[in-house]
Amino acid sequence: MGNPFGPLPAPGTRPFIVEVRRGSQVESRHPVIAAVVDADGKTVAAWGDVAQAIFPRSSNKALQALPLVETGAADAFSLSQAELAMACASHGGEIRHTETVAAWLARIGRQPDDLECGAHWPYHEETSRQLARDRLSPTSLHNNCSGKHAGMVSVATHLGEDIRGYVSPDHPVQRRVTAAIEDVCAVKLAPGMVATDGCSMPTIALPLHALAHGFARFVTGHGLAPERARAARRIAAAVAAEPFFVAGTGRFCTAVMLAGQGRFIAKTGAEGVYTAASAEAGFGIALKVLDGTARAAQTALGGLLEHLGWLDEAGREAIRPLVEQPLNNWRGISVGSIGLAAPGF
């Protein structure tokens, strides 16, 4: 049986595998491509075709937040570290999340209806149940991307731009975001690779290697203009300091950053994407579960963090339930688990 924390197979042209086991048998296998890249763009380790273009989805929200700081909007509206972390979040819609975004919008003279992300039920199960018990419907504040959207609205408001249609690729807000991602990831984003994310904002496919390189540059500032490097450090510091606001109770992004005690940042994206980066190590990580399975992405990141030595024993034990993810049936009986496949697979 596999170990949820590794060892990983030797880097190479094949993906590594996350297994779902029922009893003693392997029931499912999820292939993972991953890149570990330093700030110079050198590949430290890679599994599979890391030149493959993937949609980063929400995994690059910290990069999307750069104009919020660079334009002066964050200072003009006195954004706290929690609010900066919310700009990078895929939050669970808990009360602390929604109240933070609501207060932020009120402070800049905007309201929840100005957010163009749409509404969905909170990811946090108890919060969703409480809304239902209260016979209330979710609002845009409950959308996991509401903090990112508040950041975009803040930029447009600060610069005196029309906030309507700020999610359009041609809006000045999105043009700044695209330029920032191109610069930090040292890649030219192809117009034909633009698609629409779940929150209506553009998502642009880029090589997995470039995404990892971008996060190495983001946390180290290496190769970035001084103003951009300062903005990146400020955002990374906020994410590390306020992990609850990046995700929330029981969520892996929050748990893994707490386990890392501020030594690295980590962020999920839909369809099995994860990014992480450490200024201390000077590396960025990007991974993609090829079949898009989110549960496999957590296990994959846990294995990579172990492989790189970014977690101590206490940290590994703290996140083990979210990496190994025991499978229980409806009676609460353990029937299987998730883990990395043996290196020889």
C-alpha atoms as a PDB file:
ATOM      1  CA  MET A   1       0.000   0.000   0.000  1.00  0.00           C
ATOM      2  CA  GLY A   2       1.126   3.550  -0.737  1.00  0.00           C
ATOM      3  CA  ASN A   3       2.228   6.067   1.827  1.00  0.00           C
ATOM      4  CA  PRO A   4       0.325   9.385   1.742  1.00  0.00           C
ATOM      5  CA  PHE A   5       3.592  11.291   2.152  1.00  0.00           C
ATOM      6  CA  GLY A   6       5.762   9.374  -0.296  1.00  0.00           C
ATOM      7  CA  PRO A   7       8.310   8.423  -1.295  1.00  0.00           C
ATOM      8  CA  LEU A   8       7.703   9.790  -4.764  1.00  0.00           C
ATOM      9  CA  PRO A   9       9.137   8.020  -7.782  1.00  0.00           C
ATOM     10  CA  ALA A  10      12.242   9.550  -9.302  1.00  0.00           C
ATOM     11  CA  PRO A  11      11.457  12.611 -11.429  1.00  0.00           C
ATOM     12  CA  GLY A  12      10.980  11.795 -15.094  1.00  0.00           C
ATOM     13  CA  THR A  13       8.716  11.898 -18.096  1.00  0.00           C
ATOM     14  CA  ARG A  14       5.928   9.898 -16.423  1.00  0.00           C
ATOM     15  CA  PRO A  15       3.356  11.391 -14.046  1.00  0.00           C
ATOM     16  CA  PHE A  16       3.311  10.069 -10.514  1.00  0.00           C
ATOM     17  CA  ILE A  17       0.194   8.355  -9.282  1.00  0.00           C
ATOM     18  CA  VAL A  18      -2.256   8.941  -6.446  1.00  0.00           C
ATOM     19  CA  GLU A  19      -4.169   5.782  -5.578  1.00  0.00           C
ATOM     20  CA  VAL A  20      -7.592   5.302  -4.055  1.00  0.00           C
ATOM     21  CA  ARG A  21      -7.676   2.004  -2.202  1.00  0.00           C
ATOM     22  CA  ARG A  22     -10.719   0.072  -1.037  1.00  0.00           C
ATOM     23  CA  GLY A  23      -9.665  -2.634   1.363  1.00  0.00           C
ATOM     24  CA  SER A  24      -6.388  -3.999   0.068  1.00  0.00           C
ATOM     25  CA  GLN A  25      -7.207  -3.314  -3.584  1.00  0.00           C
ATOM     26  CA  VAL A  26      -6.489  -0.247  -5.720  1.00  0.00           C
ATOM     27  CA  GLU A  27      -9.831   1.065  -6.951  1.00  0.00           C
ATOM     28  CA  SER A  28      -8.738   4.212  -8.811  1.00  0.00           C
ATOM     29  CA  ARG A  29      -5.522   5.822  -9.996  1.00  0.00           C
ATOM     30  CA  HIS A  30      -5.057   9.539 -10.604  1.00  0.00           C
ATOM     31  CA  PRO A  31      -1.995  10.630 -12.658  1.00  0.00           C
ATOM     32  CA  VAL A  32      -0.289  13.851 -11.560  1.00  0.00           C
ATOM     33  CA  ILE A  33       2.104  16.087 -13.479  1.00  0.00           C
ATOM     34  CA  ALA A  34       4.197  18.391 -11.311  1.00  0.00           C
ATOM     35  CA  ALA A  35       7.053  20.875 -11.582  1.00  0.00           C
ATOM     36  CA  VAL A  36       9.388  22.256  -8.934  1.00  0.00           C
ATOM     37  CA  VAL A  37      11.227  25.253 -10.375  1.00  0.00           C
ATOM     38  CA  ASP A  38      13.654  27.808  -8.964  1.00  0.00           C
ATOM     39  CA  ALA A  39      13.520  31.570  -9.506  1.00  0.00           C
ATOM     40  CA  ASP A  40      15.985  31.349 -12.421  1.00  0.00           C
ATOM     41  CA  GLY A  41      13.611  28.994 -14.227  1.00  0.00           C
ATOM     42  CA  LYS A  42      15.719  25.902 -13.593  1.00  0.00           C
ATOM     43  CA  THR A  43      13.765  22.703 -13.107  1.00  0.00           C
ATOM     44  CA  VAL A  44      14.544  21.237  -9.699  1.00  0.00           C
ATOM     45  CA  ALA A  45      12.282  18.233 -10.260  1.00  0.00           C
ATOM     46  CA  ALA A  46       9.486  17.329 -12.658  1.00  0.00           C
ATOM     47  CA  TRP A  47       7.086  14.470 -13.263  1.00  0.00           C
ATOM     48  CA  GLY A  48       5.313  14.172 -16.603  1.00  0.00           C
ATOM     49  CA  ASP A  49       4.988  16.745 -19.370  1.00  0.00           C
ATOM     50  CA  VAL A  50       5.367  20.027 -17.482  1.00  0.00           C
ATOM     51  CA  ALA A  51       5.457  22.015 -20.730  1.00  0.00           C
ATOM     52  CA  GLN A  52       1.779  21.145 -21.058  1.00  0.00           C
ATOM     53  CA  ALA A  53      -0.506  24.173 -20.860  1.00  0.00           C
ATOM     54  CA  ILE A  54      -3.038  24.039 -18.033  1.00  0.00           C
ATOM     55  CA  PHE A  55      -5.635  26.440 -16.690  1.00  0.00           C
ATOM     56  CA  PRO A  56      -4.368  27.601 -13.276  1.00  0.00           C
ATOM     57  CA  ARG A  57      -7.918  28.389 -12.186  1.00  0.00           C
ATOM     58  CA  SER A  58      -7.830  29.742  -8.611  1.00  0.00           C
ATOM     59  CA  SER A  59      -4.280  28.597  -7.904  1.00  0.00           C
ATOM     60  CA  ASN A  60      -2.828  31.895  -9.178  1.00  0.00           C
ATOM     61  CA  LYS A  61      -5.055  34.313  -7.267  1.00  0.00           C
ATOM     62  CA  ALA A  62      -2.020  35.776  -5.483  1.00  0.00           C
ATOM     63  CA  LEU A  63      -0.639  36.792  -8.886  1.00  0.00           C
ATOM     64  CA  GLN A  64      -4.010  38.235  -9.880  1.00  0.00           C
ATOM     65  CA  ALA A  65      -3.920  40.385  -6.730  1.00  0.00           C
ATOM     66  CA  LEU A  66      -0.725  42.220  -7.719  1.00  0.00           C
ATOM     67  CA  PRO A  67      -2.500  45.256  -9.269  1.00  0.00           C
ATOM     68  CA  LEU A  68      -4.455  45.691  -6.034  1.00  0.00           C
ATOM     69  CA  VAL A  69      -1.200  46.639  -4.306  1.00  0.00           C
ATOM     70  CA  GLU A  70       0.714  48.106  -7.251  1.00  0.00           C
ATOM     71  CA  THR A  71      -1.971  50.662  -8.196  1.00  0.00           C
ATOM     72  CA  GLY A  72      -2.098  52.001  -4.633  1.00  0.00           C
ATOM     73  CA  ALA A  73      -5.647  50.740  -4.084  1.00  0.00           C
ATOM     74  CA  ALA A  74      -4.650  48.597  -1.091  1.00  0.00           C
ATOM     75  CA  ASP A  75      -3.127  51.598   0.663  1.00  0.00           C
ATOM     76  CA  ALA A  76      -5.845  54.029  -0.408  1.00  0.00           C
ATOM     77  CA  PHE A  77      -8.478  51.798   1.188  1.00  0.00           C
ATOM     78  CA  SER A  78      -6.302  50.746   4.155  1.00  0.00           C
ATOM     79  CA  LEU A  79      -6.624  47.048   3.417  1.00  0.00           C
ATOM     80  CA  SER A  80      -5.676  44.772   6.281  1.00  0.00           C
ATOM     81  CA  GLN A  81      -3.650  41.584   5.921  1.00  0.00           C
ATOM     82  CA  ALA A  82      -6.882  39.616   6.283  1.00  0.00           C
ATOM     83  CA  GLU A  83      -8.418  41.540   3.393  1.00  0.00           C
ATOM     84  CA  LEU A  84      -5.333  41.034   1.228  1.00  0.00           C
ATOM     85  CA  ALA A  85      -5.520  37.331   2.019  1.00  0.00           C
ATOM     86  CA  MET A  86      -9.204  37.385   1.037  1.00  0.00           C
ATOM     87  CA  ALA A  87      -8.196  38.838  -2.349  1.00  0.00           C
ATOM     88  CA  CYS A  88      -6.238  35.594  -2.881  1.00  0.00           C
ATOM     89  CA  ALA A  89      -8.881  33.294  -1.417  1.00  0.00           C
ATOM     90  CA  SER A  90     -11.168  30.473  -2.395  1.00  0.00           C
ATOM     91  CA  HIS A  91     -12.936  30.792   0.925  1.00  0.00           C
ATOM     92  CA  GLY A  92     -15.601  28.622   2.506  1.00  0.00           C
ATOM     93  CA  GLY A  93     -18.235  31.332   2.910  1.00  0.00           C
ATOM     94  CA  GLU A  94     -18.091  31.309   6.698  1.00  0.00           C
ATOM     95  CA  ILE A  95     -19.382  34.323   8.605  1.00  0.00           C
ATOM     96  CA  ARG A  96     -15.891  35.758   9.120  1.00  0.00           C
ATOM     97  CA  HIS A  97     -15.342  35.557   5.368  1.00  0.00           C
ATOM     98  CA  THR A  98     -18.601  37.192   4.311  1.00  0.00           C
ATOM     99  CA  GLU A  99     -18.465  39.869   6.989  1.00  0.00           C
ATOM    100  CA  THR A 100     -14.907  40.773   5.995  1.00  0.00           C
ATOM    101  CA  VAL A 101     -15.826  41.227   2.332  1.00  0.00           C
ATOM    102  CA  ALA A 102     -19.039  43.111   3.192  1.00  0.00           C
ATOM    103  CA  ALA A 103     -17.172  45.551   5.438  1.00  0.00           C
ATOM    104  CA  TRP A 104     -14.473  46.013   2.802  1.00  0.00           C
ATOM    105  CA  LEU A 105     -17.032  46.847   0.118  1.00  0.00           C
ATOM    106  CA  ALA A 106     -18.890  49.262   2.399  1.00  0.00           C
ATOM    107  CA  ARG A 107     -15.635  51.062   3.178  1.00  0.00           C
ATOM    108  CA  ILE A 108     -14.957  51.733  -0.513  1.00  0.00           C
ATOM    109  CA  GLY A 109     -18.534  52.787  -1.230  1.00  0.00           C
ATOM    110  CA  ARG A 110     -19.564  49.584  -2.989  1.00  0.00           C
ATOM    111  CA  GLN A 111     -22.048  46.815  -2.257  1.00  0.00           C
ATOM    112  CA  PRO A 112     -22.317  43.047  -2.778  1.00  0.00           C
ATOM    113  CA  ASP A 113     -24.438  43.505  -5.917  1.00  0.00           C
ATOM    114  CA  ASP A 114     -21.429  45.168  -7.553  1.00  0.00           C
ATOM    115  CA  LEU A 115     -19.585  41.829  -7.531  1.00  0.00           C
ATOM    116  CA  GLU A 116     -19.930  39.959 -10.824  1.00  0.00           C
ATOM    117  CA  CYS A 117     -18.980  36.540  -9.468  1.00  0.00           C
ATOM    118  CA  GLY A 118     -22.474  35.142  -8.959  1.00  0.00           C
ATOM    119  CA  ALA A 119     -23.674  33.286  -5.870  1.00  0.00           C
ATOM    120  CA  HIS A 120     -23.316  29.710  -4.684  1.00  0.00           C
ATOM    121  CA  TRP A 121     -23.896  27.847  -1.444  1.00  0.00           C
ATOM    122  CA  PRO A 122     -20.980  28.123   0.971  1.00  0.00           C
ATOM    123  CA  TYR A 123     -18.368  25.387   0.837  1.00  0.00           C
ATOM    124  CA  HIS A 124     -18.488  25.326   4.637  1.00  0.00           C
ATOM    125  CA  GLU A 125     -21.204  22.761   5.311  1.00  0.00           C
ATOM    126  CA  GLU A 126     -22.477  24.111   8.620  1.00  0.00           C
ATOM    127  CA  THR A 127     -22.773  27.626   7.192  1.00  0.00           C
ATOM    128  CA  SER A 128     -24.810  26.278   4.267  1.00  0.00           C
ATOM    129  CA  ARG A 129     -27.083  24.388   6.640  1.00  0.00           C
ATOM    130  CA  GLN A 130     -27.598  27.467   8.773  1.00  0.00           C
ATOM    131  CA  LEU A 131     -28.578  29.511   5.727  1.00  0.00           C
ATOM    132  CA  ALA A 132     -31.090  26.830   4.791  1.00  0.00           C
ATOM    133  CA  ARG A 133     -32.455  26.682   8.349  1.00  0.00           C
ATOM    134  CA  ASP A 134     -32.866  30.453   8.252  1.00  0.00           C
ATOM    135  CA  ARG A 135     -34.572  30.172   4.844  1.00  0.00           C
ATOM    136  CA  LEU A 136     -31.979  32.439   3.296  1.00  0.00           C
ATOM    137  CA  SER A 137     -30.324  32.171  -0.081  1.00  0.00           C
ATOM    138  CA  PRO A 138     -26.596  32.615  -0.648  1.00  0.00           C
ATOM    139  CA  THR A 139     -25.369  35.905  -2.072  1.00  0.00           C
ATOM    140  CA  SER A 140     -22.270  36.945  -3.980  1.00  0.00           C
ATOM    141  CA  LEU A 141     -20.530  37.320  -0.614  1.00  0.00           C
ATOM    142  CA  HIS A 142     -20.720  33.541  -0.176  1.00  0.00           C
ATOM    143  CA  ASN A 143     -19.026  32.925  -3.508  1.00  0.00           C
ATOM    144  CA  ASN A 144     -15.565  31.541  -2.782  1.00  0.00           C
ATOM    145  CA  CYS A 145     -14.097  34.202  -5.096  1.00  0.00           C
ATOM    146  CA  SER A 146     -15.823  37.218  -3.530  1.00  0.00           C
ATOM    147  CA  GLY A 147     -12.579  38.499  -2.030  1.00  0.00           C
ATOM    148  CA  LYS A 148     -10.802  38.396  -5.384  1.00  0.00           C
ATOM    149  CA  HIS A 149     -13.701  40.275  -6.951  1.00  0.00           C
ATOM    150  CA  ALA A 150     -13.688  42.850  -4.150  1.00  0.00           C
ATOM    151  CA  GLY A 151     -10.027  43.399  -4.966  1.00  0.00           C
ATOM    152  CA  MET A 152     -10.777  43.968  -8.645  1.00  0.00           C
ATOM    153  CA  VAL A 153     -13.621  46.371  -7.811  1.00  0.00           C
ATOM    154  CA  SER A 154     -11.261  48.196  -5.444  1.00  0.00           C
ATOM    155  CA  VAL A 155      -8.710  48.731  -8.222  1.00  0.00           C
ATOM    156  CA  ALA A 156     -11.334  50.125 -10.612  1.00  0.00           C
ATOM    157  CA  THR A 157     -12.833  52.331  -7.887  1.00  0.00           C
ATOM    158  CA  HIS A 158      -9.442  53.713  -6.853  1.00  0.00           C
ATOM    159  CA  LEU A 159      -8.529  54.556 -10.460  1.00  0.00           C
ATOM    160  CA  GLY A 160     -11.919  56.048 -11.300  1.00  0.00           C
ATOM    161  CA  GLU A 161     -12.749  53.367 -13.859  1.00  0.00           C
ATOM    162  CA  ASP A 162     -16.200  51.991 -14.593  1.00  0.00           C
ATOM    163  CA  ILE A 163     -16.616  48.905 -12.451  1.00  0.00           C
ATOM    164  CA  ARG A 164     -19.219  47.409 -14.779  1.00  0.00           C
ATOM    165  CA  GLY A 165     -17.790  44.541 -16.760  1.00  0.00           C
ATOM    166  CA  TYR A 166     -14.577  44.414 -14.734  1.00  0.00           C
ATOM    167  CA  VAL A 167     -14.517  40.656 -15.397  1.00  0.00           C
ATOM    168  CA  SER A 168     -14.154  41.157 -19.145  1.00  0.00           C
ATOM    169  CA  PRO A 169     -10.706  40.349 -20.600  1.00  0.00           C
ATOM    170  CA  ASP A 170     -10.721  43.789 -22.267  1.00  0.00           C
ATOM    171  CA  HIS A 171     -11.418  45.745 -19.079  1.00  0.00           C
ATOM    172  CA  PRO A 172      -8.404  47.752 -17.827  1.00  0.00           C
ATOM    173  CA  VAL A 173      -8.447  45.774 -14.562  1.00  0.00           C
ATOM    174  CA  GLN A 174      -8.046  42.466 -16.385  1.00  0.00           C
ATOM    175  CA  ARG A 175      -5.441  43.839 -18.782  1.00  0.00           C
ATOM    176  CA  ARG A 176      -3.316  44.755 -15.747  1.00  0.00           C
ATOM    177  CA  VAL A 177      -3.806  41.288 -14.274  1.00  0.00           C
ATOM    178  CA  THR A 178      -2.799  39.587 -17.520  1.00  0.00           C
ATOM    179  CA  ALA A 179       0.304  41.784 -17.852  1.00  0.00           C
ATOM    180  CA  ALA A 180       1.308  40.984 -14.272  1.00  0.00           C
ATOM    181  CA  ILE A 181       0.973  37.228 -14.797  1.00  0.00           C
ATOM    182  CA  GLU A 182       2.980  37.402 -18.027  1.00  0.00           C
ATOM    183  CA  ASP A 183       5.748  39.318 -16.300  1.00  0.00           C
ATOM    184  CA  VAL A 184       5.964  37.188 -13.164  1.00  0.00           C
ATOM    185  CA  CYS A 185       5.729  33.872 -15.030  1.00  0.00           C
ATOM    186  CA  ALA A 186       8.045  35.086 -17.815  1.00  0.00           C
ATOM    187  CA  VAL A 187       5.641  33.846 -20.481  1.00  0.00           C
ATOM    188  CA  LYS A 188       3.511  35.357 -23.221  1.00  0.00           C
ATOM    189  CA  LEU A 189      -0.100  34.335 -22.743  1.00  0.00           C
ATOM    190  CA  ALA A 190      -1.731  33.385 -26.027  1.00  0.00           C
ATOM    191  CA  PRO A 191      -5.098  35.071 -26.769  1.00  0.00           C
ATOM    192  CA  GLY A 192      -6.462  31.738 -27.950  1.00  0.00           C
ATOM    193  CA  MET A 193      -5.820  30.221 -24.517  1.00  0.00           C
ATOM    194  CA  VAL A 194      -8.261  32.532 -22.695  1.00  0.00           C
ATOM    195  CA  ALA A 195     -11.347  30.937 -21.169  1.00  0.00           C
ATOM    196  CA  THR A 196     -13.889  31.892 -18.512  1.00  0.00           C
ATOM    197  CA  ASP A 197     -13.537  30.731 -14.921  1.00  0.00           C
ATOM    198  CA  GLY A 198     -16.397  29.680 -12.674  1.00  0.00           C
ATOM    199  CA  CYS A 199     -16.603  33.184 -11.197  1.00  0.00           C
ATOM    200  CA  SER A 200     -16.852  34.785 -14.696  1.00  0.00           C
ATOM    201  CA  MET A 201     -13.297  36.119 -14.642  1.00  0.00           C
ATOM    202  CA  PRO A 202     -10.762  35.167 -17.336  1.00  0.00           C
ATOM    203  CA  THR A 203      -8.505  32.179 -16.799  1.00  0.00           C
ATOM    204  CA  ILE A 204      -5.601  31.799 -19.205  1.00  0.00           C
ATOM    205  CA  ALA A 205      -3.783  28.546 -19.856  1.00  0.00           C
ATOM    206  CA  LEU A 206      -0.013  28.525 -19.456  1.00  0.00           C
ATOM    207  CA  PRO A 207       2.656  25.833 -19.190  1.00  0.00           C
ATOM    208  CA  LEU A 208       2.776  24.151 -15.794  1.00  0.00           C
ATOM    209  CA  HIS A 209       6.520  24.848 -15.634  1.00  0.00           C
ATOM    210  CA  ALA A 210       5.891  28.577 -16.159  1.00  0.00           C
ATOM    211  CA  LEU A 211       3.342  28.628 -13.339  1.00  0.00           C
ATOM    212  CA  ALA A 212       5.845  27.069 -10.928  1.00  0.00           C
ATOM    213  CA  HIS A 213       8.555  29.475 -12.137  1.00  0.00           C
ATOM    214  CA  GLY A 214       6.197  32.394 -11.586  1.00  0.00           C
ATOM    215  CA  PHE A 215       5.555  31.445  -7.991  1.00  0.00           C
ATOM    216  CA  ALA A 216       9.283  31.066  -7.325  1.00  0.00           C
ATOM    217  CA  ARG A 217       9.782  34.610  -8.628  1.00  0.00           C
ATOM    218  CA  PHE A 218       6.713  35.834  -6.735  1.00  0.00           C
ATOM    219  CA  VAL A 219       7.979  34.771  -3.317  1.00  0.00           C
ATOM    220  CA  THR A 220      11.656  35.632  -3.891  1.00  0.00           C
ATOM    221  CA  GLY A 221      11.282  38.796  -5.988  1.00  0.00           C
ATOM    222  CA  HIS A 222      14.071  37.496  -8.198  1.00  0.00           C
ATOM    223  CA  GLY A 223      13.931  39.057 -11.657  1.00  0.00           C
ATOM    224  CA  LEU A 224      11.012  41.344 -10.801  1.00  0.00           C
ATOM    225  CA  ALA A 225      11.000  45.134 -10.825  1.00  0.00           C
ATOM    226  CA  PRO A 226      11.442  46.516  -7.278  1.00  0.00           C
ATOM    227  CA  GLU A 227       7.854  47.782  -7.001  1.00  0.00           C
ATOM    228  CA  ARG A 228       6.438  44.459  -8.179  1.00  0.00           C
ATOM    229  CA  ALA A 229       8.741  42.515  -5.876  1.00  0.00           C
ATOM    230  CA  ARG A 230       7.569  44.607  -2.902  1.00  0.00           C
ATOM    231  CA  ALA A 231       3.924  44.057  -3.839  1.00  0.00           C
ATOM    232  CA  ALA A 232       4.467  40.315  -4.155  1.00  0.00           C
ATOM    233  CA  ARG A 233       6.204  40.110  -0.779  1.00  0.00           C
ATOM    234  CA  ARG A 234       3.352  42.017   0.841  1.00  0.00           C
ATOM    235  CA  ILE A 235       0.722  39.714  -0.631  1.00  0.00           C
ATOM    236  CA  ALA A 236       2.676  36.566   0.239  1.00  0.00           C
ATOM    237  CA  ALA A 237       3.149  37.811   3.800  1.00  0.00           C
ATOM    238  CA  ALA A 238      -0.597  38.431   4.153  1.00  0.00           C
ATOM    239  CA  VAL A 239      -1.460  34.967   2.848  1.00  0.00           C
ATOM    240  CA  ALA A 240       1.025  33.330   5.223  1.00  0.00           C
ATOM    241  CA  ALA A 241      -0.155  35.411   8.186  1.00  0.00           C
ATOM    242  CA  GLU A 242      -3.898  34.913   7.615  1.00  0.00           C
ATOM    243  CA  PRO A 243      -4.406  31.389   6.208  1.00  0.00           C
ATOM    244  CA  PHE A 244      -7.955  31.153   7.552  1.00  0.00           C
ATOM    245  CA  PHE A 245      -9.043  33.875   5.147  1.00  0.00           C
ATOM    246  CA  VAL A 246      -7.526  32.019   2.178  1.00  0.00           C
ATOM    247  CA  ALA A 247      -9.792  28.989   2.663  1.00  0.00           C
ATOM    248  CA  GLY A 248     -11.299  28.328   6.105  1.00  0.00           C
ATOM    249  CA  THR A 249     -12.252  25.679   8.618  1.00  0.00           C
ATOM    250  CA  GLY A 250     -11.313  22.161   7.553  1.00  0.00           C
ATOM    251  CA  ARG A 251      -9.871  23.335   4.224  1.00  0.00           C
ATOM    252  CA  PHE A 252      -6.517  22.063   3.006  1.00  0.00           C
ATOM    253  CA  CYS A 253      -4.997  25.411   1.966  1.00  0.00           C
ATOM    254  CA  THR A 254      -5.505  26.755   5.472  1.00  0.00           C
ATOM    255  CA  ALA A 255      -4.391  23.553   7.205  1.00  0.00           C
ATOM    256  CA  VAL A 256      -1.235  23.055   5.158  1.00  0.00           C
ATOM    257  CA  MET A 257      -0.057  26.648   5.604  1.00  0.00           C
ATOM    258  CA  LEU A 258      -0.661  26.414   9.345  1.00  0.00           C
ATOM    259  CA  ALA A 259       1.315  23.172   9.337  1.00  0.00           C
ATOM    260  CA  GLY A 260       4.127  24.948   7.511  1.00  0.00           C
ATOM    261  CA  GLN A 261       4.206  27.699  10.153  1.00  0.00           C
ATOM    262  CA  GLY A 262       4.602  30.447   7.565  1.00  0.00           C
ATOM    263  CA  ARG A 263       7.498  28.816   5.698  1.00  0.00           C
ATOM    264  CA  PHE A 264       5.521  28.558   2.454  1.00  0.00           C
ATOM    265  CA  ILE A 265       2.252  29.556   0.822  1.00  0.00           C
ATOM    266  CA  ALA A 266      -0.104  27.158  -0.957  1.00  0.00           C
ATOM    267  CA  LYS A 267      -3.245  27.571  -3.043  1.00  0.00           C
ATOM    268  CA  THR A 268      -5.684  25.222  -4.720  1.00  0.00           C
ATOM    269  CA  GLY A 269      -7.346  25.628  -8.079  1.00  0.00           C
ATOM    270  CA  ALA A 270     -10.316  23.796  -9.548  1.00  0.00           C
ATOM    271  CA  GLU A 271      -9.822  20.625 -11.590  1.00  0.00           C
ATOM    272  CA  GLY A 272      -6.951  19.264  -9.522  1.00  0.00           C
ATOM    273  CA  VAL A 273      -4.464  22.150  -9.579  1.00  0.00           C
ATOM    274  CA  TYR A 274      -2.204  23.249  -6.723  1.00  0.00           C
ATOM    275  CA  THR A 275       0.570  25.790  -6.383  1.00  0.00           C
ATOM    276  CA  ALA A 276       2.967  26.369  -3.495  1.00  0.00           C
ATOM    277  CA  ALA A 277       6.111  28.416  -2.999  1.00  0.00           C
ATOM    278  CA  SER A 278       8.809  29.030  -0.411  1.00  0.00           C
ATOM    279  CA  ALA A 279      11.027  32.104  -0.312  1.00  0.00           C
ATOM    280  CA  GLU A 280      13.355  30.271   2.057  1.00  0.00           C
ATOM    281  CA  ALA A 281      13.858  27.408  -0.404  1.00  0.00           C
ATOM    282  CA  GLY A 282      13.606  29.625  -3.473  1.00  0.00           C
ATOM    283  CA  PHE A 283      11.293  27.191  -5.264  1.00  0.00           C
ATOM    284  CA  GLY A 284       7.819  27.265  -6.724  1.00  0.00           C
ATOM    285  CA  ILE A 285       5.578  24.193  -7.134  1.00  0.00           C
ATOM    286  CA  ALA A 286       2.762  23.647  -9.602  1.00  0.00           C
ATOM    287  CA  LEU A 287       0.855  20.405 -10.066  1.00  0.00           C
ATOM    288  CA  LYS A 288      -2.115  19.210 -12.054  1.00  0.00           C
ATOM    289  CA  VAL A 289      -4.089  16.013 -11.514  1.00  0.00           C
ATOM    290  CA  LEU A 290      -4.758  15.051 -15.110  1.00  0.00           C
ATOM    291  CA  ASP A 291      -8.263  13.738 -14.473  1.00  0.00           C
ATOM    292  CA  GLY A 292      -9.157  16.848 -12.465  1.00  0.00           C
ATOM    293  CA  THR A 293      -9.764  15.090  -9.144  1.00  0.00           C
ATOM    294  CA  ALA A 294      -9.443  17.565  -6.270  1.00  0.00           C
ATOM    295  CA  ARG A 295      -8.945  14.961  -3.539  1.00  0.00           C
ATOM    296  CA  ALA A 296      -5.898  13.609  -5.367  1.00  0.00           C
ATOM    297  CA  ALA A 297      -4.376  17.113  -5.542  1.00  0.00           C
ATOM    298  CA  GLN A 298      -4.199  17.331  -1.745  1.00  0.00           C
ATOM    299  CA  THR A 299      -2.392  14.025  -1.503  1.00  0.00           C
ATOM    300  CA  ALA A 300      -0.081  14.990  -4.365  1.00  0.00           C
ATOM    301  CA  LEU A 301       0.895  18.254  -2.699  1.00  0.00           C
ATOM    302  CA  GLY A 302       1.464  16.479   0.607  1.00  0.00           C
ATOM    303  CA  GLY A 303       3.852  14.104  -1.136  1.00  0.00           C
ATOM    304  CA  LEU A 304       5.725  16.938  -2.815  1.00  0.00           C
ATOM    305  CA  LEU A 305       6.091  18.888   0.412  1.00  0.00           C
ATOM    306  CA  GLU A 306       7.486  15.781   2.077  1.00  0.00           C
ATOM    307  CA  HIS A 307       9.815  15.178  -0.866  1.00  0.00           C
ATOM    308  CA  LEU A 308      11.187  18.724  -0.524  1.00  0.00           C
ATOM    309  CA  GLY A 309      11.417  18.621   3.275  1.00  0.00           C
ATOM    310  CA  TRP A 310       9.090  21.568   3.780  1.00  0.00           C
ATOM    311  CA  LEU A 311       7.144  19.885   6.605  1.00  0.00           C
ATOM    312  CA  ASP A 312       8.454  18.735   9.969  1.00  0.00           C
ATOM    313  CA  GLU A 313       6.988  15.731  11.781  1.00  0.00           C
ATOM    314  CA  ALA A 314       4.405  17.826  13.621  1.00  0.00           C
ATOM    315  CA  GLY A 315       3.337  19.438  10.367  1.00  0.00           C
ATOM    316  CA  ARG A 316       2.952  16.085   8.621  1.00  0.00           C
ATOM    317  CA  GLU A 317       0.806  14.736  11.433  1.00  0.00           C
ATOM    318  CA  ALA A 318      -1.340  17.885  11.478  1.00  0.00           C
ATOM    319  CA  ILE A 319      -2.362  17.490   7.842  1.00  0.00           C
ATOM    320  CA  ARG A 320      -2.281  13.685   7.614  1.00  0.00           C
ATOM    321  CA  PRO A 321      -6.108  13.311   7.734  1.00  0.00           C
ATOM    322  CA  LEU A 322      -6.426  15.677   4.758  1.00  0.00           C
ATOM    323  CA  VAL A 323      -3.622  13.996   2.800  1.00  0.00           C
ATOM    324  CA  GLU A 324      -4.396  10.343   3.520  1.00  0.00           C
ATOM    325  CA  GLN A 325      -8.146  11.072   3.518  1.00  0.00           C
ATOM    326  CA  PRO A 326      -9.512   7.830   4.995  1.00  0.00           C
ATOM    327  CA  LEU A 327     -12.599   6.587   3.183  1.00  0.00           C
ATOM    328  CA  ASN A 328     -15.491   5.852   5.526  1.00  0.00           C
ATOM    329  CA  ASN A 329     -18.858   4.401   4.630  1.00  0.00           C
ATOM    330  CA  TRP A 330     -22.206   5.774   5.830  1.00  0.00           C
ATOM    331  CA  ARG A 331     -21.847   3.895   9.133  1.00  0.00           C
ATOM    332  CA  GLY A 332     -18.490   5.519   9.783  1.00  0.00           C
ATOM    333  CA  ILE A 333     -16.547   2.330   9.106  1.00  0.00           C
ATOM    334  CA  SER A 334     -13.145   2.785   7.483  1.00  0.00           C
ATOM    335  CA  VAL A 335     -13.187   1.041   4.106  1.00  0.00           C
ATOM    336  CA  GLY A 336     -10.112   2.479   2.366  1.00  0.00           C
ATOM    337  CA  SER A 337      -7.805   5.445   1.931  1.00  0.00           C
ATOM    338  CA  ILE A 338      -5.957   7.635  -0.534  1.00  0.00           C
ATOM    339  CA  GLY A 339      -2.183   7.727  -0.905  1.00  0.00           C
ATOM    340  CA  LEU A 340       0.744   7.877  -3.286  1.00  0.00           C
ATOM    341  CA  ALA A 341       1.398   4.800  -5.366  1.00  0.00           C
ATOM    342  CA  ALA A 342       4.582   2.855  -4.721  1.00  0.00           C
ATOM    343  CA  PRO A 343       7.504   4.370  -6.683  1.00  0.00           C
ATOM    344  CA  GLY A 344       7.803   1.310  -8.894  1.00  0.00           C
ATOM    345  CA  PHE A 345       4.279   1.555 -10.291  1.00  0.00           C
END
